Amino acid sequence: MKIEIMGPGCPRCRKTEELIAETIRKIGIDAEIVHVTDLNHMIERGVMMTPAVFIDGVKKIEGKIPTEVQIRQWFQK
């Protein structure tokens, strides 16, 4: 599983990455977390606001920091 966090590396992007890493550790999900800072790549993927989170290529949230509850919902089967 690949989780991409898209943003310039601002505090909101770093907080998003921290929350996701902590939450997936708590629920036992094994995933690769990648921070994408390339503006052209973000534009190609349709990101208009950061932070944006993609899981296996699917956009889950854009323009805000997700809550732990939202993150957990992304991984429910």
N, C-alpha and C. Protein backbone atom coordinates (compact mmCIF):
# COMPACT_ATOMS: atom_id res chain seq x y z
N MET A 1 0.84 -1.17 0.00
CA MET A 1 0.00 0.00 0.00
C MET A 1 0.89 1.24 0.00
N LYS A 2 0.50 2.22 -0.79
CA LYS A 2 1.29 3.45 -0.90
C LYS A 2 0.41 4.64 -0.52
N ILE A 3 0.89 5.42 0.43
CA ILE A 3 0.20 6.63 0.86
C ILE A 3 1.06 7.81 0.43
N GLU A 4 0.46 8.70 -0.35
CA GLU A 4 1.17 9.89 -0.82
C GLU A 4 0.57 11.12 -0.15
N ILE A 5 1.44 11.91 0.45
CA ILE A 5 1.02 13.17 1.03
C ILE A 5 1.61 14.25 0.15
N MET A 6 0.74 15.07 -0.43
CA MET A 6 1.19 16.07 -1.38
C MET A 6 1.11 17.45 -0.76
N GLY A 7 2.24 18.15 -0.82
CA GLY A 7 2.31 19.50 -0.29
C GLY A 7 3.75 19.96 -0.24
N PRO A 8 3.95 21.26 -0.03
CA PRO A 8 5.29 21.83 -0.09
C PRO A 8 6.18 21.54 1.11
N GLY A 9 5.64 20.89 2.11
CA GLY A 9 6.42 20.63 3.32
C GLY A 9 6.10 21.60 4.44
N CYS A 10 4.97 22.25 4.33
CA CYS A 10 4.53 23.22 5.33
C CYS A 10 4.12 22.50 6.63
N PRO A 11 3.89 23.22 7.71
CA PRO A 11 3.48 22.59 8.97
C PRO A 11 2.22 21.74 8.84
N ARG A 12 1.26 22.16 8.02
CA ARG A 12 0.03 21.38 7.84
C ARG A 12 0.32 20.04 7.15
N CYS A 13 1.24 20.06 6.20
CA CYS A 13 1.62 18.83 5.50
C CYS A 13 2.35 17.89 6.45
N ARG A 14 3.25 18.44 7.24
CA ARG A 14 4.00 17.61 8.20
C ARG A 14 3.07 17.02 9.25
N LYS A 15 2.09 17.81 9.70
CA LYS A 15 1.12 17.32 10.69
C LYS A 15 0.29 16.19 10.09
N THR A 16 -0.11 16.33 8.84
CA THR A 16 -0.87 15.29 8.16
C THR A 16 -0.07 14.00 8.09
N GLU A 17 1.19 14.12 7.74
CA GLU A 17 2.06 12.94 7.65
C GLU A 17 2.21 12.28 9.03
N GLU A 18 2.41 13.09 10.07
CA GLU A 18 2.54 12.54 11.43
C GLU A 18 1.28 11.80 11.86
N LEU A 19 0.12 12.42 11.62
CA LEU A 19 -1.15 11.79 12.00
C LEU A 19 -1.38 10.47 11.28
N ILE A 20 -1.09 10.44 10.00
CA ILE A 20 -1.29 9.22 9.23
C ILE A 20 -0.33 8.14 9.70
N ALA A 21 0.94 8.50 9.89
CA ALA A 21 1.92 7.51 10.34
C ALA A 21 1.53 6.94 11.71
N GLU A 22 1.11 7.79 12.62
CA GLU A 22 0.71 7.35 13.96
C GLU A 22 -0.53 6.46 13.90
N THR A 23 -1.51 6.86 13.11
CA THR A 23 -2.76 6.10 13.03
C THR A 23 -2.55 4.74 12.40
N ILE A 24 -1.80 4.66 11.31
CA ILE A 24 -1.61 3.34 10.68
C ILE A 24 -0.78 2.43 11.58
N ARG A 25 0.12 3.02 12.37
CA ARG A 25 0.88 2.22 13.33
C ARG A 25 -0.07 1.64 14.38
N LYS A 26 -1.00 2.45 14.87
CA LYS A 26 -1.96 2.01 15.89
C LYS A 26 -2.84 0.87 15.39
N ILE A 27 -3.26 0.95 14.13
CA ILE A 27 -4.19 -0.07 13.63
C ILE A 27 -3.48 -1.21 12.89
N GLY A 28 -2.16 -1.13 12.81
CA GLY A 28 -1.39 -2.24 12.26
C GLY A 28 -1.37 -2.34 10.75
N ILE A 29 -1.46 -1.20 10.07
CA ILE A 29 -1.40 -1.17 8.61
C ILE A 29 0.06 -0.99 8.19
N ASP A 30 0.51 -1.83 7.26
CA ASP A 30 1.85 -1.70 6.72
C ASP A 30 1.75 -0.94 5.40
N ALA A 31 2.33 0.25 5.36
CA ALA A 31 2.23 1.07 4.15
C ALA A 31 3.48 1.91 3.99
N GLU A 32 3.74 2.26 2.75
CA GLU A 32 4.84 3.17 2.43
C GLU A 32 4.25 4.58 2.38
N ILE A 33 4.85 5.50 3.13
CA ILE A 33 4.40 6.89 3.13
C ILE A 33 5.42 7.71 2.35
N VAL A 34 4.92 8.42 1.35
CA VAL A 34 5.78 9.24 0.48
C VAL A 34 5.28 10.68 0.54
N HIS A 35 6.19 11.61 0.75
CA HIS A 35 5.81 13.03 0.73
C HIS A 35 6.21 13.61 -0.63
N VAL A 36 5.23 14.05 -1.38
CA VAL A 36 5.44 14.59 -2.73
C VAL A 36 5.44 16.12 -2.65
N THR A 37 6.56 16.74 -3.03
CA THR A 37 6.66 18.20 -2.98
C THR A 37 6.73 18.84 -4.37
N ASP A 38 6.77 18.02 -5.41
CA ASP A 38 6.89 18.52 -6.78
C ASP A 38 5.56 19.14 -7.23
N LEU A 39 5.55 20.46 -7.41
CA LEU A 39 4.35 21.19 -7.77
C LEU A 39 3.75 20.69 -9.08
N ASN A 40 4.59 20.41 -10.07
CA ASN A 40 4.08 19.92 -11.36
C ASN A 40 3.38 18.58 -11.21
N HIS A 41 3.94 17.70 -10.38
CA HIS A 41 3.31 16.39 -10.14
C HIS A 41 1.95 16.57 -9.46
N MET A 42 1.89 17.50 -8.50
CA MET A 42 0.62 17.76 -7.82
C MET A 42 -0.44 18.26 -8.80
N ILE A 43 -0.04 19.16 -9.68
CA ILE A 43 -0.97 19.70 -10.67
C ILE A 43 -1.46 18.59 -11.61
N GLU A 44 -0.54 17.74 -12.05
CA GLU A 44 -0.91 16.62 -12.92
C GLU A 44 -1.93 15.70 -12.25
N ARG A 45 -1.85 15.56 -10.94
CA ARG A 45 -2.76 14.69 -10.19
C ARG A 45 -4.05 15.40 -9.80
N GLY A 46 -4.20 16.68 -10.17
CA GLY A 46 -5.43 17.40 -9.90
C GLY A 46 -5.51 18.03 -8.52
N VAL A 47 -4.38 18.18 -7.86
CA VAL A 47 -4.37 18.78 -6.52
C VAL A 47 -4.42 20.30 -6.66
N MET A 48 -5.45 20.90 -6.04
CA MET A 48 -5.60 22.35 -6.09
C MET A 48 -5.25 23.00 -4.75
N MET A 49 -5.38 22.22 -3.66
CA MET A 49 -5.07 22.72 -2.32
C MET A 49 -4.29 21.66 -1.57
N THR A 50 -3.39 22.10 -0.71
CA THR A 50 -2.60 21.15 0.07
C THR A 50 -2.92 21.32 1.55
N PRO A 51 -2.70 20.30 2.33
CA PRO A 51 -2.19 18.99 1.96
C PRO A 51 -3.25 18.16 1.25
N ALA A 52 -2.80 17.23 0.44
CA ALA A 52 -3.69 16.27 -0.20
C ALA A 52 -3.13 14.88 0.09
N VAL A 53 -4.04 13.91 0.27
CA VAL A 53 -3.62 12.55 0.58
C VAL A 53 -4.20 11.60 -0.45
N PHE A 54 -3.32 10.77 -1.02
CA PHE A 54 -3.72 9.73 -1.96
C PHE A 54 -3.33 8.38 -1.36
N ILE A 55 -4.23 7.42 -1.45
CA ILE A 55 -3.92 6.05 -1.03
C ILE A 55 -4.09 5.17 -2.25
N ASP A 56 -3.01 4.52 -2.64
CA ASP A 56 -2.97 3.69 -3.85
C ASP A 56 -3.58 4.42 -5.05
N GLY A 57 -3.23 5.71 -5.19
CA GLY A 57 -3.64 6.49 -6.34
C GLY A 57 -5.00 7.14 -6.24
N VAL A 58 -5.73 6.94 -5.15
CA VAL A 58 -7.07 7.51 -4.98
C VAL A 58 -7.01 8.67 -3.99
N LYS A 59 -7.50 9.85 -4.42
CA LYS A 59 -7.48 11.01 -3.54
C LYS A 59 -8.50 10.81 -2.41
N LYS A 60 -8.02 10.98 -1.17
CA LYS A 60 -8.88 10.80 0.00
C LYS A 60 -9.29 12.11 0.64
N ILE A 61 -8.41 13.09 0.59
CA ILE A 61 -8.71 14.39 1.19
C ILE A 61 -7.81 15.44 0.54
N GLU A 62 -8.28 16.67 0.54
CA GLU A 62 -7.50 17.75 -0.06
C GLU A 62 -7.81 19.05 0.66
N GLY A 63 -6.77 19.80 0.99
CA GLY A 63 -6.95 21.13 1.55
C GLY A 63 -7.16 21.20 3.04
N LYS A 64 -7.11 20.06 3.72
CA LYS A 64 -7.24 20.10 5.18
C LYS A 64 -6.53 18.92 5.81
N ILE A 65 -6.28 19.06 7.10
CA ILE A 65 -5.63 18.00 7.86
C ILE A 65 -6.71 17.00 8.26
N PRO A 66 -6.52 15.72 7.93
CA PRO A 66 -7.54 14.73 8.30
C PRO A 66 -7.51 14.44 9.81
N THR A 67 -8.65 14.02 10.32
CA THR A 67 -8.72 13.59 11.71
C THR A 67 -8.34 12.12 11.79
N GLU A 68 -8.06 11.64 12.99
CA GLU A 68 -7.74 10.23 13.15
C GLU A 68 -8.93 9.37 12.74
N VAL A 69 -10.14 9.83 13.04
CA VAL A 69 -11.35 9.08 12.66
C VAL A 69 -11.43 8.94 11.14
N GLN A 70 -11.17 10.02 10.41
CA GLN A 70 -11.19 9.96 8.94
C GLN A 70 -10.14 8.98 8.43
N ILE A 71 -8.95 9.06 8.99
CA ILE A 71 -7.87 8.17 8.54
C ILE A 71 -8.26 6.72 8.77
N ARG A 72 -8.81 6.42 9.94
CA ARG A 72 -9.24 5.05 10.24
C ARG A 72 -10.30 4.57 9.24
N GLN A 73 -11.20 5.45 8.85
CA GLN A 73 -12.26 5.09 7.90
C GLN A 73 -11.67 4.72 6.54
N TRP A 74 -10.58 5.34 6.15
CA TRP A 74 -9.96 5.03 4.87
C TRP A 74 -9.48 3.59 4.80
N PHE A 75 -9.19 2.99 5.95
CA PHE A 75 -8.61 1.64 5.98
C PHE A 75 -9.60 0.56 6.41
N GLN A 76 -10.85 0.97 6.67
CA GLN A 76 -11.85 -0.05 7.01
C GLN A 76 -12.23 -0.80 5.77
N LYS A 77 -12.46 -2.09 5.95
CA LYS A 77 -12.80 -2.94 4.80
C LYS A 77 -14.28 -3.07 4.66
